[in-house]
Amino acid sequence: MSDPYSDHAAAYAAHNAVAPYNALYERPALLDLANDVAGLDVLDLGCGPGVTTAELVRRGARVTGLDRSAALVEHARGLSGAEFLVHDLADPLPLTDAAVDLVVAGLVLHYLDDWSAVLAEVYRVLRPGGRFVASVHHPLTDVRIASLEPHGAYLESYRIADVWEMAGEEVVVWFWHHPLGSMTGWIAGAGLTLTDVVEPRPLPSMADSHPESFVRLSAEPAFLLLETRRLG
């Protein structure tokens, strides 16, 4: 099956580094939720082109980045000295038990139809007291996108087609809408404890560079951030 991220890796990496929804909105919020990472062992799930990974390294973390796209992993290796592995999240994580203090997953879980297996693996590789922070599509925003299709029901789970332009080509990227109750149910089922839910606001600098996006995101979040902890 064709993977748009691999097929357009260079264009996506360039876009991800500077796109306002990433650089001025989701990524700063995720890093803020991760908080002080100096001296921590960190796993970056679905690291993509490695921009978040590089920032975690810059802040003093020892980071392993995983992504199923070999092309994006190759790009990520050029940004930092982190360890990178090509890995599909459908498979068990290639780490020993209790190996890391923090797991980060930026805009990756909404590509999964069910979070149970990957969250069970997150619990396994976290040390007691360790945290998992993730950003996903906000489920209410999903419903607005899906209203253009024969879906749109908030309380159901279903796939949504998102149309992007990469390298001058129209690309369809599929993701899953899940209601918040499903997300929290999977978290609890994995043994993790939900400790924070964040509906982020854009950085003030977006008001000057992308005023329309700033107004939109200041009124209605596009993404949702979740912080969980392994207590035992």
C-alpha atoms as a PDB file:
ATOM      1  CA  MET A   1       0.000   0.000   0.000  1.00  0.00           C
ATOM      2  CA  SER A   2       1.297   3.448  -0.924  1.00  0.00           C
ATOM      3  CA  ASP A   3       2.307   5.658   2.003  1.00  0.00           C
ATOM      4  CA  PRO A   4       1.955   9.388   1.206  1.00  0.00           C
ATOM      5  CA  TYR A   5       4.508  10.320   3.861  1.00  0.00           C
ATOM      6  CA  SER A   6       7.143   8.079   2.283  1.00  0.00           C
ATOM      7  CA  ASP A   7       6.151   8.935  -1.273  1.00  0.00           C
ATOM      8  CA  HIS A   8       6.555  12.657  -0.550  1.00  0.00           C
ATOM      9  CA  ALA A   9       9.081  12.508   2.297  1.00  0.00           C
ATOM     10  CA  ALA A  10      11.210  15.497   1.294  1.00  0.00           C
ATOM     11  CA  ALA A  11       8.207  17.749   0.665  1.00  0.00           C
ATOM     12  CA  TYR A  12       6.507  16.648   3.880  1.00  0.00           C
ATOM     13  CA  ALA A  13       9.663  17.174   5.966  1.00  0.00           C
ATOM     14  CA  ALA A  14      10.078  20.703   4.607  1.00  0.00           C
ATOM     15  CA  HIS A  15       6.397  21.446   5.233  1.00  0.00           C
ATOM     16  CA  ASN A  16       6.371  19.995   8.757  1.00  0.00           C
ATOM     17  CA  ALA A  17       9.328  22.104   9.860  1.00  0.00           C
ATOM     18  CA  VAL A  18       7.624  25.441   9.183  1.00  0.00           C
ATOM     19  CA  ALA A  19       3.871  24.876   8.748  1.00  0.00           C
ATOM     20  CA  PRO A  20       2.007  27.075  11.257  1.00  0.00           C
ATOM     21  CA  TYR A  21      -0.202  24.288  12.601  1.00  0.00           C
ATOM     22  CA  ASN A  22       2.985  22.360  13.438  1.00  0.00           C
ATOM     23  CA  ALA A  23       5.640  24.971  14.222  1.00  0.00           C
ATOM     24  CA  LEU A  24       3.432  27.552  15.937  1.00  0.00           C
ATOM     25  CA  TYR A  25       0.725  25.382  17.431  1.00  0.00           C
ATOM     26  CA  GLU A  26       0.958  21.615  17.964  1.00  0.00           C
ATOM     27  CA  ARG A  27       4.698  21.163  18.440  1.00  0.00           C
ATOM     28  CA  PRO A  28       5.168  23.947  21.042  1.00  0.00           C
ATOM     29  CA  ALA A  29       2.148  22.665  22.969  1.00  0.00           C
ATOM     30  CA  LEU A  30       3.423  19.077  22.948  1.00  0.00           C
ATOM     31  CA  LEU A  31       6.900  20.130  24.082  1.00  0.00           C
ATOM     32  CA  ASP A  32       5.377  22.301  26.793  1.00  0.00           C
ATOM     33  CA  LEU A  33       3.399  19.308  28.054  1.00  0.00           C
ATOM     34  CA  ALA A  34       6.544  17.160  27.971  1.00  0.00           C
ATOM     35  CA  ASN A  35       8.093  19.834  30.212  1.00  0.00           C
ATOM     36  CA  ASP A  36      11.655  19.394  31.518  1.00  0.00           C
ATOM     37  CA  VAL A  37      13.204  16.430  29.706  1.00  0.00           C
ATOM     38  CA  ALA A  38      16.859  17.005  30.620  1.00  0.00           C
ATOM     39  CA  GLY A  39      18.496  13.701  31.545  1.00  0.00           C
ATOM     40  CA  LEU A  40      15.440  11.615  30.642  1.00  0.00           C
ATOM     41  CA  ASP A  41      15.266   8.559  28.399  1.00  0.00           C
ATOM     42  CA  VAL A  42      12.567   9.423  25.851  1.00  0.00           C
ATOM     43  CA  LEU A  43      10.810   7.448  23.121  1.00  0.00           C
ATOM     44  CA  ASP A  44       9.334   9.454  20.232  1.00  0.00           C
ATOM     45  CA  LEU A  45       6.605   7.383  18.560  1.00  0.00           C
ATOM     46  CA  GLY A  46       5.890   8.239  14.957  1.00  0.00           C
ATOM     47  CA  CYS A  47       8.768  10.700  14.931  1.00  0.00           C
ATOM     48  CA  GLY A  48       8.326  11.524  11.240  1.00  0.00           C
ATOM     49  CA  PRO A  49      11.033  13.882   9.937  1.00  0.00           C
ATOM     50  CA  GLY A  50      12.493  14.236  13.432  1.00  0.00           C
ATOM     51  CA  VAL A  51      11.835  17.907  14.231  1.00  0.00           C
ATOM     52  CA  THR A  52      10.320  17.185  17.651  1.00  0.00           C
ATOM     53  CA  THR A  53      12.994  14.558  18.279  1.00  0.00           C
ATOM     54  CA  ALA A  54      15.748  17.080  17.588  1.00  0.00           C
ATOM     55  CA  GLU A  55      14.202  19.579  19.987  1.00  0.00           C
ATOM     56  CA  LEU A  56      13.975  16.932  22.722  1.00  0.00           C
ATOM     57  CA  VAL A  57      17.678  16.175  22.189  1.00  0.00           C
ATOM     58  CA  ARG A  58      18.488  19.891  22.311  1.00  0.00           C
ATOM     59  CA  ARG A  59      16.712  20.064  25.666  1.00  0.00           C
ATOM     60  CA  GLY A  60      18.934  17.359  27.101  1.00  0.00           C
ATOM     61  CA  ALA A  61      16.991  14.126  26.592  1.00  0.00           C
ATOM     62  CA  ARG A  62      18.360  10.803  25.345  1.00  0.00           C
ATOM     63  CA  VAL A  63      15.897  10.009  22.573  1.00  0.00           C
ATOM     64  CA  THR A  64      14.947   7.040  20.432  1.00  0.00           C
ATOM     65  CA  GLY A  65      12.720   7.893  17.480  1.00  0.00           C
ATOM     66  CA  LEU A  66      10.511   5.367  15.712  1.00  0.00           C
ATOM     67  CA  ASP A  67       8.677   5.746  12.417  1.00  0.00           C
ATOM     68  CA  ARG A  68       7.444   3.298   9.810  1.00  0.00           C
ATOM     69  CA  SER A  69       8.692   5.484   6.952  1.00  0.00           C
ATOM     70  CA  ALA A  70      12.320   4.708   6.143  1.00  0.00           C
ATOM     71  CA  ALA A  71      12.513   7.907   4.082  1.00  0.00           C
ATOM     72  CA  LEU A  72      11.414  10.077   7.005  1.00  0.00           C
ATOM     73  CA  VAL A  73      13.738   8.250   9.405  1.00  0.00           C
ATOM     74  CA  GLU A  74      16.621   8.955   7.037  1.00  0.00           C
ATOM     75  CA  HIS A  75      15.724  12.642   7.105  1.00  0.00           C
ATOM     76  CA  ALA A  76      15.428  12.595  10.904  1.00  0.00           C
ATOM     77  CA  ARG A  77      18.931  11.160  11.256  1.00  0.00           C
ATOM     78  CA  GLY A  78      20.257  14.311   9.643  1.00  0.00           C
ATOM     79  CA  LEU A  79      18.719  16.573  12.290  1.00  0.00           C
ATOM     80  CA  SER A  80      20.050  15.125  15.541  1.00  0.00           C
ATOM     81  CA  GLY A  81      22.179  12.486  17.194  1.00  0.00           C
ATOM     82  CA  ALA A  82      19.166  10.547  18.449  1.00  0.00           C
ATOM     83  CA  GLU A  83      18.834   6.843  17.750  1.00  0.00           C
ATOM     84  CA  PHE A  84      16.274   6.103  15.044  1.00  0.00           C
ATOM     85  CA  LEU A  85      14.587   2.861  14.045  1.00  0.00           C
ATOM     86  CA  VAL A  86      12.181   2.053  11.234  1.00  0.00           C
ATOM     87  CA  HIS A  87       9.231   0.521  13.039  1.00  0.00           C
ATOM     88  CA  ASP A  88       5.511   0.017  12.454  1.00  0.00           C
ATOM     89  CA  LEU A  89       3.344   0.676  15.511  1.00  0.00           C
ATOM     90  CA  ALA A  90       1.285  -2.381  14.612  1.00  0.00           C
ATOM     91  CA  ASP A  91       4.229  -4.402  15.984  1.00  0.00           C
ATOM     92  CA  PRO A  92       5.512  -4.600  19.592  1.00  0.00           C
ATOM     93  CA  LEU A  93       7.885  -1.783  20.479  1.00  0.00           C
ATOM     94  CA  PRO A  94      11.578  -2.731  20.096  1.00  0.00           C
ATOM     95  CA  LEU A  95      12.460  -1.779  23.682  1.00  0.00           C
ATOM     96  CA  THR A  96      12.854  -3.739  26.895  1.00  0.00           C
ATOM     97  CA  ASP A  97      10.427  -3.397  29.781  1.00  0.00           C
ATOM     98  CA  ALA A  98      10.651  -0.177  31.834  1.00  0.00           C
ATOM     99  CA  ALA A  99      13.192   1.322  29.416  1.00  0.00           C
ATOM    100  CA  VAL A 100      12.131   4.979  29.274  1.00  0.00           C
ATOM    101  CA  ASP A 101      10.931   7.849  31.444  1.00  0.00           C
ATOM    102  CA  LEU A 102       8.776   9.516  28.804  1.00  0.00           C
ATOM    103  CA  VAL A 103       6.978   8.502  25.623  1.00  0.00           C
ATOM    104  CA  VAL A 104       5.947  11.216  23.165  1.00  0.00           C
ATOM    105  CA  ALA A 105       3.540  10.706  20.254  1.00  0.00           C
ATOM    106  CA  GLY A 106       2.906  13.776  18.124  1.00  0.00           C
ATOM    107  CA  LEU A 107      -0.061  13.491  15.748  1.00  0.00           C
ATOM    108  CA  VAL A 108       0.217   9.748  15.240  1.00  0.00           C
ATOM    109  CA  LEU A 109      -2.463   7.925  17.262  1.00  0.00           C
ATOM    110  CA  HIS A 110      -5.296   9.105  15.019  1.00  0.00           C
ATOM    111  CA  TYR A 111      -3.907   6.880  12.269  1.00  0.00           C
ATOM    112  CA  LEU A 112      -4.831   3.817  14.358  1.00  0.00           C
ATOM    113  CA  ASP A 113      -8.280   2.239  14.401  1.00  0.00           C
ATOM    114  CA  ASP A 114      -7.686   0.973  17.949  1.00  0.00           C
ATOM    115  CA  TRP A 115      -5.187   2.285  20.499  1.00  0.00           C
ATOM    116  CA  SER A 116      -5.272  -0.733  22.817  1.00  0.00           C
ATOM    117  CA  ALA A 117      -2.181  -2.582  21.613  1.00  0.00           C
ATOM    118  CA  VAL A 118       0.107   0.430  21.279  1.00  0.00           C
ATOM    119  CA  LEU A 119      -0.924   1.833  24.682  1.00  0.00           C
ATOM    120  CA  ALA A 120      -0.269  -1.548  26.295  1.00  0.00           C
ATOM    121  CA  GLU A 121       3.216  -1.367  24.777  1.00  0.00           C
ATOM    122  CA  VAL A 122       3.650   2.213  26.016  1.00  0.00           C
ATOM    123  CA  TYR A 123       2.784   1.041  29.533  1.00  0.00           C
ATOM    124  CA  ARG A 124       5.281  -1.818  29.228  1.00  0.00           C
ATOM    125  CA  VAL A 125       8.243   0.324  28.169  1.00  0.00           C
ATOM    126  CA  LEU A 126       7.558   3.132  30.671  1.00  0.00           C
ATOM    127  CA  ARG A 127       9.243   3.082  34.039  1.00  0.00           C
ATOM    128  CA  PRO A 128       6.963   3.376  37.083  1.00  0.00           C
ATOM    129  CA  GLY A 129       6.075   7.051  37.387  1.00  0.00           C
ATOM    130  CA  GLY A 130       6.886   7.614  33.714  1.00  0.00           C
ATOM    131  CA  ARG A 131       4.653   9.696  31.469  1.00  0.00           C
ATOM    132  CA  PHE A 132       3.091   9.426  28.036  1.00  0.00           C
ATOM    133  CA  VAL A 133       2.157  12.652  26.230  1.00  0.00           C
ATOM    134  CA  ALA A 134       0.346  12.658  22.910  1.00  0.00           C
ATOM    135  CA  SER A 135      -1.294  15.031  20.477  1.00  0.00           C
ATOM    136  CA  VAL A 136      -4.164  13.931  18.242  1.00  0.00           C
ATOM    137  CA  HIS A 137      -6.809  15.482  16.043  1.00  0.00           C
ATOM    138  CA  HIS A 138      -9.477  17.102  18.192  1.00  0.00           C
ATOM    139  CA  PRO A 139     -12.570  14.898  17.819  1.00  0.00           C
ATOM    140  CA  LEU A 140     -14.901  17.864  17.333  1.00  0.00           C
ATOM    141  CA  THR A 141     -12.744  19.151  14.489  1.00  0.00           C
ATOM    142  CA  ASP A 142     -12.877  15.663  12.965  1.00  0.00           C
ATOM    143  CA  VAL A 143     -16.664  15.844  12.896  1.00  0.00           C
ATOM    144  CA  ARG A 144     -16.554  19.128  10.992  1.00  0.00           C
ATOM    145  CA  ILE A 145     -14.237  17.582   8.392  1.00  0.00           C
ATOM    146  CA  ALA A 146     -16.403  14.472   8.217  1.00  0.00           C
ATOM    147  CA  SER A 147     -19.589  16.510   7.744  1.00  0.00           C
ATOM    148  CA  LEU A 148     -18.505  16.787   4.115  1.00  0.00           C
ATOM    149  CA  GLU A 149     -18.780  12.994   3.870  1.00  0.00           C
ATOM    150  CA  PRO A 150     -21.583  10.540   4.749  1.00  0.00           C
ATOM    151  CA  HIS A 151     -20.417  10.469   8.381  1.00  0.00           C
ATOM    152  CA  GLY A 152     -20.200  13.253  10.919  1.00  0.00           C
ATOM    153  CA  ALA A 153     -21.475  11.466  14.036  1.00  0.00           C
ATOM    154  CA  TYR A 154     -19.331  12.348  17.054  1.00  0.00           C
ATOM    155  CA  LEU A 155     -19.899   9.163  19.081  1.00  0.00           C
ATOM    156  CA  GLU A 156     -18.866   6.747  16.337  1.00  0.00           C
ATOM    157  CA  SER A 157     -15.396   5.740  15.153  1.00  0.00           C
ATOM    158  CA  TYR A 158     -14.735   5.985  11.421  1.00  0.00           C
ATOM    159  CA  ARG A 159     -12.068   6.847   8.860  1.00  0.00           C
ATOM    160  CA  ILE A 160     -11.861  10.318   7.357  1.00  0.00           C
ATOM    161  CA  ALA A 161     -10.078  11.381   4.191  1.00  0.00           C
ATOM    162  CA  ASP A 162      -7.984  14.535   4.541  1.00  0.00           C
ATOM    163  CA  VAL A 163      -6.742  16.077   1.289  1.00  0.00           C
ATOM    164  CA  TRP A 164      -3.336  17.797   1.321  1.00  0.00           C
ATOM    165  CA  GLU A 165      -1.096  19.299  -1.305  1.00  0.00           C
ATOM    166  CA  MET A 166       2.473  17.995  -1.308  1.00  0.00           C
ATOM    167  CA  ALA A 167       5.049  18.849  -3.953  1.00  0.00           C
ATOM    168  CA  GLY A 168       2.297  20.315  -6.104  1.00  0.00           C
ATOM    169  CA  GLU A 169       0.300  17.089  -5.997  1.00  0.00           C
ATOM    170  CA  GLU A 170      -3.032  16.429  -4.300  1.00  0.00           C
ATOM    171  CA  VAL A 171      -2.572  13.696  -1.697  1.00  0.00           C
ATOM    172  CA  VAL A 172      -5.259  11.883   0.297  1.00  0.00           C
ATOM    173  CA  VAL A 173      -4.304  11.001   3.876  1.00  0.00           C
ATOM    174  CA  TRP A 174      -6.678   8.786   5.860  1.00  0.00           C
ATOM    175  CA  PHE A 175      -7.063   9.034   9.622  1.00  0.00           C
ATOM    176  CA  TRP A 176      -9.489   7.824  12.283  1.00  0.00           C
ATOM    177  CA  HIS A 177     -12.028   9.832  14.230  1.00  0.00           C
ATOM    178  CA  HIS A 178     -12.562   8.535  17.766  1.00  0.00           C
ATOM    179  CA  PRO A 179     -14.744  10.141  20.446  1.00  0.00           C
ATOM    180  CA  LEU A 180     -13.046  11.246  23.641  1.00  0.00           C
ATOM    181  CA  GLY A 181     -14.698   8.414  25.564  1.00  0.00           C
ATOM    182  CA  SER A 182     -12.960   5.832  23.384  1.00  0.00           C
ATOM    183  CA  MET A 183      -9.599   7.533  23.928  1.00  0.00           C
ATOM    184  CA  THR A 184      -9.966   7.609  27.715  1.00  0.00           C
ATOM    185  CA  GLY A 185     -11.246   4.029  27.704  1.00  0.00           C
ATOM    186  CA  TRP A 186      -8.153   2.809  25.875  1.00  0.00           C
ATOM    187  CA  ILE A 187      -5.929   4.772  28.259  1.00  0.00           C
ATOM    188  CA  ALA A 188      -7.553   3.234  31.330  1.00  0.00           C
ATOM    189  CA  GLY A 189      -7.569  -0.221  29.747  1.00  0.00           C
ATOM    190  CA  ALA A 190      -3.802  -0.048  29.297  1.00  0.00           C
ATOM    191  CA  GLY A 191      -3.302   0.722  32.990  1.00  0.00           C
ATOM    192  CA  LEU A 192      -2.323   4.345  32.385  1.00  0.00           C
ATOM    193  CA  THR A 193      -3.758   7.212  34.423  1.00  0.00           C
ATOM    194  CA  LEU A 194      -4.943  10.328  32.598  1.00  0.00           C
ATOM    195  CA  THR A 195      -3.395  13.355  34.325  1.00  0.00           C
ATOM    196  CA  ASP A 196      -4.054  16.253  31.943  1.00  0.00           C
ATOM    197  CA  VAL A 197      -6.087  17.186  28.882  1.00  0.00           C
ATOM    198  CA  VAL A 198      -5.009  20.279  26.951  1.00  0.00           C
ATOM    199  CA  GLU A 199      -6.815  22.168  24.203  1.00  0.00           C
ATOM    200  CA  PRO A 200      -3.892  24.267  22.996  1.00  0.00           C
ATOM    201  CA  ARG A 201      -3.766  27.863  21.855  1.00  0.00           C
ATOM    202  CA  PRO A 202      -1.442  29.034  19.079  1.00  0.00           C
ATOM    203  CA  LEU A 203       1.735  30.960  19.817  1.00  0.00           C
ATOM    204  CA  PRO A 204       1.179  34.747  19.791  1.00  0.00           C
ATOM    205  CA  SER A 205       3.606  35.072  16.868  1.00  0.00           C
ATOM    206  CA  MET A 206       1.057  33.333  14.632  1.00  0.00           C
ATOM    207  CA  ALA A 207      -1.118  36.459  14.839  1.00  0.00           C
ATOM    208  CA  ASP A 208       1.401  38.320  12.679  1.00  0.00           C
ATOM    209  CA  SER A 209       2.504  35.565  10.313  1.00  0.00           C
ATOM    210  CA  HIS A 210      -0.828  33.747   9.811  1.00  0.00           C
ATOM    211  CA  PRO A 211      -3.629  35.944  11.214  1.00  0.00           C
ATOM    212  CA  GLU A 212      -6.546  33.902   9.849  1.00  0.00           C
ATOM    213  CA  SER A 213      -5.201  30.671  11.346  1.00  0.00           C
ATOM    214  CA  PHE A 214      -4.503  32.474  14.617  1.00  0.00           C
ATOM    215  CA  VAL A 215      -8.101  33.691  14.887  1.00  0.00           C
ATOM    216  CA  ARG A 216      -9.477  30.255  14.002  1.00  0.00           C
ATOM    217  CA  LEU A 217      -7.264  28.320  16.428  1.00  0.00           C
ATOM    218  CA  SER A 218      -7.814  30.843  19.215  1.00  0.00           C
ATOM    219  CA  ALA A 219     -11.542  30.159  18.972  1.00  0.00           C
ATOM    220  CA  GLU A 220     -11.574  26.432  18.268  1.00  0.00           C
ATOM    221  CA  PRO A 221      -8.751  23.901  18.784  1.00  0.00           C
ATOM    222  CA  ALA A 222      -7.650  21.681  15.927  1.00  0.00           C
ATOM    223  CA  PHE A 223      -5.762  19.265  18.170  1.00  0.00           C
ATOM    224  CA  LEU A 224      -6.122  17.691  21.597  1.00  0.00           C
ATOM    225  CA  LEU A 225      -3.218  16.871  23.924  1.00  0.00           C
ATOM    226  CA  LEU A 226      -3.292  14.089  26.502  1.00  0.00           C
ATOM    227  CA  GLU A 227      -0.908  13.428  29.376  1.00  0.00           C
ATOM    228  CA  THR A 228      -0.961  10.045  31.100  1.00  0.00           C
ATOM    229  CA  ARG A 229       1.221   8.389  33.689  1.00  0.00           C
ATOM    230  CA  ARG A 230       2.212   4.859  34.634  1.00  0.00           C
ATOM    231  CA  LEU A 231       1.707   4.887  38.385  1.00  0.00           C
ATOM    232  CA  GLY A 232       2.904   1.390  39.206  1.00  0.00           C
END
